[in-house]
Protein backbone atom coordinates (compact mmCIF):
# COMPACT_ATOMS: atom_id res chain seq x y z
CA UNK A 1 59.89 0.19 35.32
CA UNK A 2 59.49 3.18 37.61
CA UNK A 3 62.64 4.91 38.85
CA UNK A 4 62.16 6.51 42.26
CA UNK A 5 64.69 9.26 42.94
CA UNK A 6 65.33 10.24 46.56
CA UNK A 7 67.76 13.09 47.30
CA UNK A 8 69.28 12.55 50.74
CA UNK A 9 70.93 15.11 53.00
CA UNK A 10 71.24 14.78 56.78
CA UNK A 11 67.90 13.03 57.37
CA UNK A 12 68.97 10.06 59.48
CA UNK A 13 65.92 10.54 61.71
CA UNK A 14 63.42 9.97 58.86
CA UNK A 15 65.33 8.14 56.13
CA UNK A 16 64.44 4.58 57.13
CA UNK A 17 60.72 5.33 57.18
CA UNK A 18 61.01 6.90 53.75
CA UNK A 19 62.97 4.08 52.12
CA UNK A 20 60.80 1.39 53.76
CA UNK A 21 57.68 3.01 52.32
CA UNK A 22 59.24 2.92 48.85
CA UNK A 23 60.44 -0.67 49.08
CA UNK A 24 57.03 -1.81 50.33
CA UNK A 25 55.29 -0.81 47.11
CA UNK A 26 52.77 -3.33 45.80
CA UNK A 27 54.13 -2.56 42.33
CA UNK A 28 57.50 -4.32 42.30
CA UNK A 29 59.11 -3.23 39.01
CA UNK A 30 60.94 -0.29 40.52
CA UNK A 31 64.46 0.94 41.03
CA UNK A 32 65.30 3.21 43.94
CA UNK A 33 68.04 5.79 43.46
CA UNK A 34 69.35 7.23 46.72
CA UNK A 35 71.49 10.29 46.05
CA UNK A 36 73.51 11.08 49.16
CA UNK A 37 74.26 14.77 48.73
CA UNK A 38 77.30 14.95 50.98
CA UNK A 39 75.49 14.12 54.24
CA UNK A 40 77.50 14.66 57.41
CA UNK A 41 75.32 12.46 59.65
CA UNK A 42 74.61 8.72 59.29
CA UNK A 43 72.40 9.14 56.21
CA UNK A 44 75.05 7.90 53.78
CA UNK A 45 75.69 4.77 55.85
CA UNK A 46 71.96 4.08 56.03
CA UNK A 47 71.76 4.31 52.23
CA UNK A 48 74.59 1.77 51.86
CA UNK A 49 72.92 -0.53 54.41
CA UNK A 50 69.71 -0.62 52.38
CA UNK A 51 71.60 -1.18 49.12
CA UNK A 52 73.13 -4.34 50.60
CA UNK A 53 69.66 -5.61 51.51
CA UNK A 54 67.81 -4.92 48.26
CA UNK A 55 69.21 -5.15 44.73
CA UNK A 56 66.69 -2.61 43.46
CA UNK A 57 68.55 0.15 45.27
CA UNK A 58 71.34 2.25 43.74
CA UNK A 59 73.31 4.59 45.97
CA UNK A 60 75.22 7.59 44.68
CA UNK A 61 77.46 9.52 47.05
CA UNK A 62 78.34 12.99 45.83
CA UNK A 63 79.71 16.27 47.07
CA UNK A 64 77.02 18.53 48.50
CA UNK A 65 75.43 20.53 45.70
CA UNK A 66 71.84 21.05 46.78
CA UNK A 67 68.59 19.22 46.14
CA UNK A 68 68.36 20.23 42.47
CA UNK A 69 71.79 18.80 41.66
CA UNK A 70 70.92 15.62 43.59
CA UNK A 71 67.68 15.14 41.65
CA UNK A 72 69.44 15.81 38.35
CA UNK A 73 72.02 13.17 39.24
CA UNK A 74 69.16 10.75 39.89
CA UNK A 75 67.60 11.58 36.52
CA UNK A 76 70.90 10.85 34.77
CA UNK A 77 71.22 7.45 36.43
CA UNK A 78 67.58 6.37 36.06
CA UNK A 79 66.75 3.58 33.59
CA UNK A 80 62.99 3.34 34.20
CA UNK A 81 60.35 4.49 31.74
CA UNK A 82 58.78 6.61 34.46
CA UNK A 83 60.19 8.80 37.20
CA UNK A 84 58.95 9.56 40.68
CA UNK A 85 60.59 11.96 43.11
CA UNK A 86 60.31 11.41 46.86
CA UNK A 87 61.75 13.68 49.53
CA UNK A 88 63.81 11.79 52.09
CA UNK A 89 61.89 13.07 55.12
CA UNK A 90 58.55 12.02 53.61
CA UNK A 91 56.87 8.69 52.83
CA UNK A 92 54.57 7.25 50.17
CA UNK A 93 51.58 4.93 50.41
CA UNK A 94 52.34 1.31 49.56
CA UNK A 95 49.92 1.44 46.62
CA UNK A 96 50.98 4.76 45.11
CA UNK A 97 53.03 3.38 42.22
CA UNK A 98 50.43 0.69 41.48
CA UNK A 99 47.71 3.35 41.37
CA UNK A 100 49.75 5.43 38.93
CA UNK A 101 50.60 2.49 36.68
CA UNK A 102 47.08 1.05 36.73
CA UNK A 103 45.69 4.35 35.51
CA UNK A 104 48.24 5.34 32.87
CA UNK A 105 46.96 7.66 30.17
CA UNK A 106 48.22 10.42 27.91
CA UNK A 107 47.43 12.86 30.71
CA UNK A 108 49.89 14.07 33.33
CA UNK A 109 49.16 12.09 36.51
CA UNK A 110 49.18 13.80 39.90
CA UNK A 111 48.17 12.64 43.36
CA UNK A 112 46.97 14.19 46.58
CA UNK A 113 49.40 14.71 49.45
CA UNK A 114 48.73 15.23 53.12
CA UNK A 115 50.62 16.15 56.29
CA UNK A 116 48.32 14.09 58.51
CA UNK A 117 50.28 10.89 59.09
CA UNK A 118 47.37 9.00 60.65
CA UNK A 119 45.12 9.80 57.70
CA UNK A 120 47.86 8.62 55.35
CA UNK A 121 48.37 5.37 57.26
CA UNK A 122 44.64 4.53 57.36
CA UNK A 123 44.05 5.19 53.66
CA UNK A 124 43.08 1.97 51.83
CA UNK A 125 42.81 2.53 48.06
CA UNK A 126 41.52 -0.96 47.32
CA UNK A 127 38.79 -0.67 49.94
CA UNK A 128 37.98 3.01 49.57
CA UNK A 129 38.54 3.15 45.82
CA UNK A 130 40.63 5.66 43.88
CA UNK A 131 38.69 8.61 42.60
CA UNK A 132 40.28 9.98 39.43
CA UNK A 133 39.50 13.55 38.42
CA UNK A 134 40.31 14.70 34.91
CA UNK A 135 41.16 18.35 34.35
CA UNK A 136 41.81 20.31 31.17
CA UNK A 137 45.03 22.20 30.45
CA UNK A 138 43.20 25.47 30.99
CA UNK A 139 42.61 24.54 34.65
CA UNK A 140 46.31 25.04 35.41
CA UNK A 141 45.94 28.05 37.71
CA UNK A 142 43.13 26.41 39.66
CA UNK A 143 45.48 23.48 40.28
CA UNK A 144 48.26 25.91 41.14
CA UNK A 145 45.96 27.59 43.68
CA UNK A 146 45.19 24.16 45.18
CA UNK A 147 48.95 23.47 45.58
CA UNK A 148 49.18 20.70 42.98
CA UNK A 149 51.64 22.45 40.67
CA UNK A 150 54.52 23.74 42.76
CA UNK A 151 56.00 20.46 43.99
CA UNK A 152 57.52 17.57 41.98
CA UNK A 153 56.79 14.78 44.47
CA UNK A 154 53.08 14.41 43.61
CA UNK A 155 53.59 13.63 39.92
CA UNK A 156 54.50 10.66 37.73
CA UNK A 157 56.94 11.82 35.04
CA UNK A 158 57.76 10.21 31.70
CA UNK A 159 61.53 9.75 31.65
CA UNK A 160 61.79 9.99 27.87
CA UNK A 161 60.15 13.43 27.82
CA UNK A 162 62.52 14.69 30.52
CA UNK A 163 65.65 13.38 28.80
CA UNK A 164 64.58 14.22 25.24
CA UNK A 165 63.85 17.84 26.18
CA UNK A 166 66.81 18.10 28.61
CA UNK A 167 64.50 19.19 31.44
CA UNK A 168 66.50 19.84 34.59
CA UNK A 169 66.02 21.23 38.05
CA UNK A 170 67.82 24.60 37.93
CA UNK A 171 70.92 24.36 40.09
CA UNK A 172 71.95 27.46 41.97
CA UNK A 173 68.39 28.25 43.03
CA UNK A 174 67.21 27.48 46.55
CA UNK A 175 63.60 28.50 46.04
CA UNK A 176 61.23 28.00 43.12
CA UNK A 177 63.33 25.40 41.30
CA UNK A 178 60.54 22.82 41.58
CA UNK A 179 58.02 25.06 39.82
CA UNK A 180 60.39 25.83 36.95
CA UNK A 181 61.03 22.10 36.42
CA UNK A 182 57.29 21.38 36.43
CA UNK A 183 56.54 24.19 33.97
CA UNK A 184 59.17 22.92 31.55
CA UNK A 185 57.77 19.39 31.78
CA UNK A 186 54.17 20.50 31.23
CA UNK A 187 55.27 22.59 28.24
CA UNK A 188 56.87 19.50 26.72
CA UNK A 189 53.91 17.21 27.42
CA UNK A 190 51.24 19.51 25.91
CA UNK A 191 48.42 17.54 27.49
CA UNK A 192 45.76 17.54 30.20
CA UNK A 193 45.88 16.33 33.81
CA UNK A 194 44.42 13.58 35.94
CA UNK A 195 44.43 13.59 39.73
CA UNK A 196 44.44 10.45 41.87
CA UNK A 197 42.54 11.56 44.94
CA UNK A 198 43.47 10.22 48.35
CA UNK A 199 46.43 10.84 50.69
CA UNK A 200 48.95 8.84 48.67
CA UNK A 201 51.92 10.97 49.72
CA UNK A 202 52.79 11.93 53.28
CA UNK A 203 54.87 15.08 53.69
CA UNK A 204 56.22 16.64 56.82
CA UNK A 205 55.16 20.18 57.56
CA UNK A 206 57.53 23.06 58.26
CA UNK A 207 59.89 22.13 55.44
CA UNK A 208 63.07 24.16 55.45
CA UNK A 209 63.02 26.71 52.65
CA UNK A 210 59.25 27.00 52.43
CA UNK A 211 57.91 30.51 51.93
CA UNK A 212 56.09 30.47 55.26
CA UNK A 213 59.36 29.83 57.08
CA UNK A 214 61.69 31.97 54.99
CA UNK A 215 63.02 35.41 55.76
CA UNK A 216 65.64 36.32 53.20
CA UNK A 217 66.57 39.55 51.52
CA UNK A 218 66.15 38.17 47.98
CA UNK A 219 62.73 36.61 48.56
CA UNK A 220 60.85 39.45 46.84
CA UNK A 221 63.07 39.22 43.76
CA UNK A 222 62.62 35.43 43.69
CA UNK A 223 58.82 35.70 43.86
CA UNK A 224 58.81 38.34 41.13
CA UNK A 225 60.95 36.13 38.90
CA UNK A 226 58.79 33.03 39.48
CA UNK A 227 55.55 34.83 38.70
CA UNK A 228 57.17 36.23 35.58
CA UNK A 229 58.00 32.66 34.53
CA UNK A 230 54.46 31.61 35.38
CA UNK A 231 52.87 34.38 33.31
CA UNK A 232 55.11 33.57 30.35
CA UNK A 233 54.13 29.90 30.62
CA UNK A 234 50.42 30.73 30.62
CA UNK A 235 50.80 32.99 27.58
CA UNK A 236 53.04 30.61 25.63
CA UNK A 237 50.74 27.63 26.17
CA UNK A 238 47.64 29.56 25.13
CA UNK A 239 45.88 29.43 28.50
CA UNK A 240 46.13 33.10 29.53
CA UNK A 241 42.36 32.98 29.99
CA UNK A 242 40.04 35.20 32.01
CA UNK A 243 39.81 32.56 34.74
CA UNK A 244 43.56 32.04 34.87
CA UNK A 245 44.21 35.79 34.95
CA UNK A 246 41.92 36.09 37.97
CA UNK A 247 43.75 33.28 39.78
CA UNK A 248 47.14 34.62 38.74
CA UNK A 249 46.73 38.20 39.93
CA UNK A 250 44.94 37.20 43.13
CA UNK A 251 47.68 34.74 44.06
CA UNK A 252 50.39 37.21 43.01
CA UNK A 253 48.97 39.88 45.29
CA UNK A 254 48.69 37.47 48.22
CA UNK A 255 52.24 36.22 47.66
CA UNK A 256 53.66 39.74 47.46
CA UNK A 257 51.88 40.60 50.69
CA UNK A 258 53.21 37.51 52.47
CA UNK A 259 56.71 38.30 51.23
CA UNK A 260 56.48 41.88 52.52
CA UNK A 261 55.19 40.63 55.86
CA UNK A 262 58.12 38.23 56.20
CA UNK A 263 60.92 40.29 54.73
CA UNK A 264 59.96 43.97 54.68
CA UNK A 265 62.62 44.89 57.20
CA UNK A 266 65.25 43.07 55.14
CA UNK A 267 64.25 44.59 51.80
CA UNK A 268 62.43 47.89 52.24
CA UNK A 269 63.08 48.78 48.58
CA UNK A 270 60.51 46.20 47.47
CA UNK A 271 57.67 48.65 48.10
CA UNK A 272 58.92 50.87 45.26
CA UNK A 273 58.59 48.12 42.67
CA UNK A 274 55.94 48.56 39.96
CA UNK A 275 54.86 44.93 40.32
CA UNK A 276 52.60 46.04 43.20
CA UNK A 277 50.67 48.28 40.82
CA UNK A 278 50.50 45.55 38.18
CA UNK A 279 49.20 43.02 40.68
CA UNK A 280 46.56 45.32 42.16
CA UNK A 281 45.35 46.54 38.75
CA UNK A 282 45.14 42.89 37.67
CA UNK A 283 43.01 42.12 40.72
CA UNK A 284 40.69 45.04 39.95
CA UNK A 285 40.36 44.23 36.24
CA UNK A 286 39.59 40.58 36.96
CA UNK A 287 37.21 41.12 39.88
CA UNK A 288 39.25 39.55 42.68
CA UNK A 289 39.63 42.54 45.02
CA UNK A 290 38.15 40.75 48.00
CA UNK A 291 37.80 42.53 51.34
CA UNK A 292 40.78 40.59 52.66
CA UNK A 293 42.93 41.80 49.79
CA UNK A 294 41.71 45.37 50.34
CA UNK A 295 42.81 45.13 53.96
CA UNK A 296 46.15 43.81 52.79
CA UNK A 297 46.47 46.80 50.46
CA UNK A 298 45.94 49.17 53.38
CA UNK A 299 48.63 47.35 55.34
CA UNK A 300 51.02 47.51 52.38
CA UNK A 301 50.50 51.29 52.17
CA UNK A 302 51.20 51.53 55.90
CA UNK A 303 54.44 49.56 55.51
CA UNK A 304 55.47 51.66 52.52
CA UNK A 305 55.11 54.90 54.46
CA UNK A 306 56.85 53.40 57.46
CA UNK A 307 59.92 52.36 55.46
CA UNK A 308 60.02 55.65 53.55
CA UNK A 309 60.55 57.42 56.89
CA UNK A 310 63.40 55.13 57.95
């Protein structure tokens, strides 16, 4: 059985499309856990409506505690051997679970996701075929760069590994909690990856809380903490390789720059942090000082001087 956990909060506009896509799976041995996280719109009523129509659905109504708490509640209630997380404003292809279960292996399974709804609707795995790409553990940072590693919704998780190792989404965090959960799971699994290519998961762009849409005073501190966790993970798992160092420092520099661009006026003290020096030296030592990053460095120096005068 596959338990599909859907945290729900004020998404009445999209919830039916999401739940319908889950119930229409060609793989039928599923349970659907809708965790209503204190919604103030009609989302909770919609959840109850679906539960009356389909016995595979469990509904949990709880006081609002955030998406991490909602997912953790779903984990606690799940009885399936495998876990899948779906965001309530997204949708999954009707053959996603079947594709996962037909290609089970000791590897961690991931799938492609896409924001193009038409592309997602037209995808036909049986006709087009499912291309499976196998990647080694050492390819982690390449997959991170390609956006496979940050989110939980593109992965099939083994429930026993999550519960045995008490892996939880950190509650009290509103950014980066997904990555920390994924890192803990990958640590526990100690295995390689396989990617099911094709737009199996449809996600809506402009998600609230995404880095590109965030402007918050603590964003720099959050990014610094997450990349510290990421570096520790790479070192602990023995994949702090030359290639991964190059990816790591290049992405770190780009992320610091984006954070400064978004939040410099809110947190001018960030420019005094030594992490800038660490990131740039790492780029130089690993040969990833591209011309774009050099231009970004000039801009960072300009911002630093500007905020020193104010």
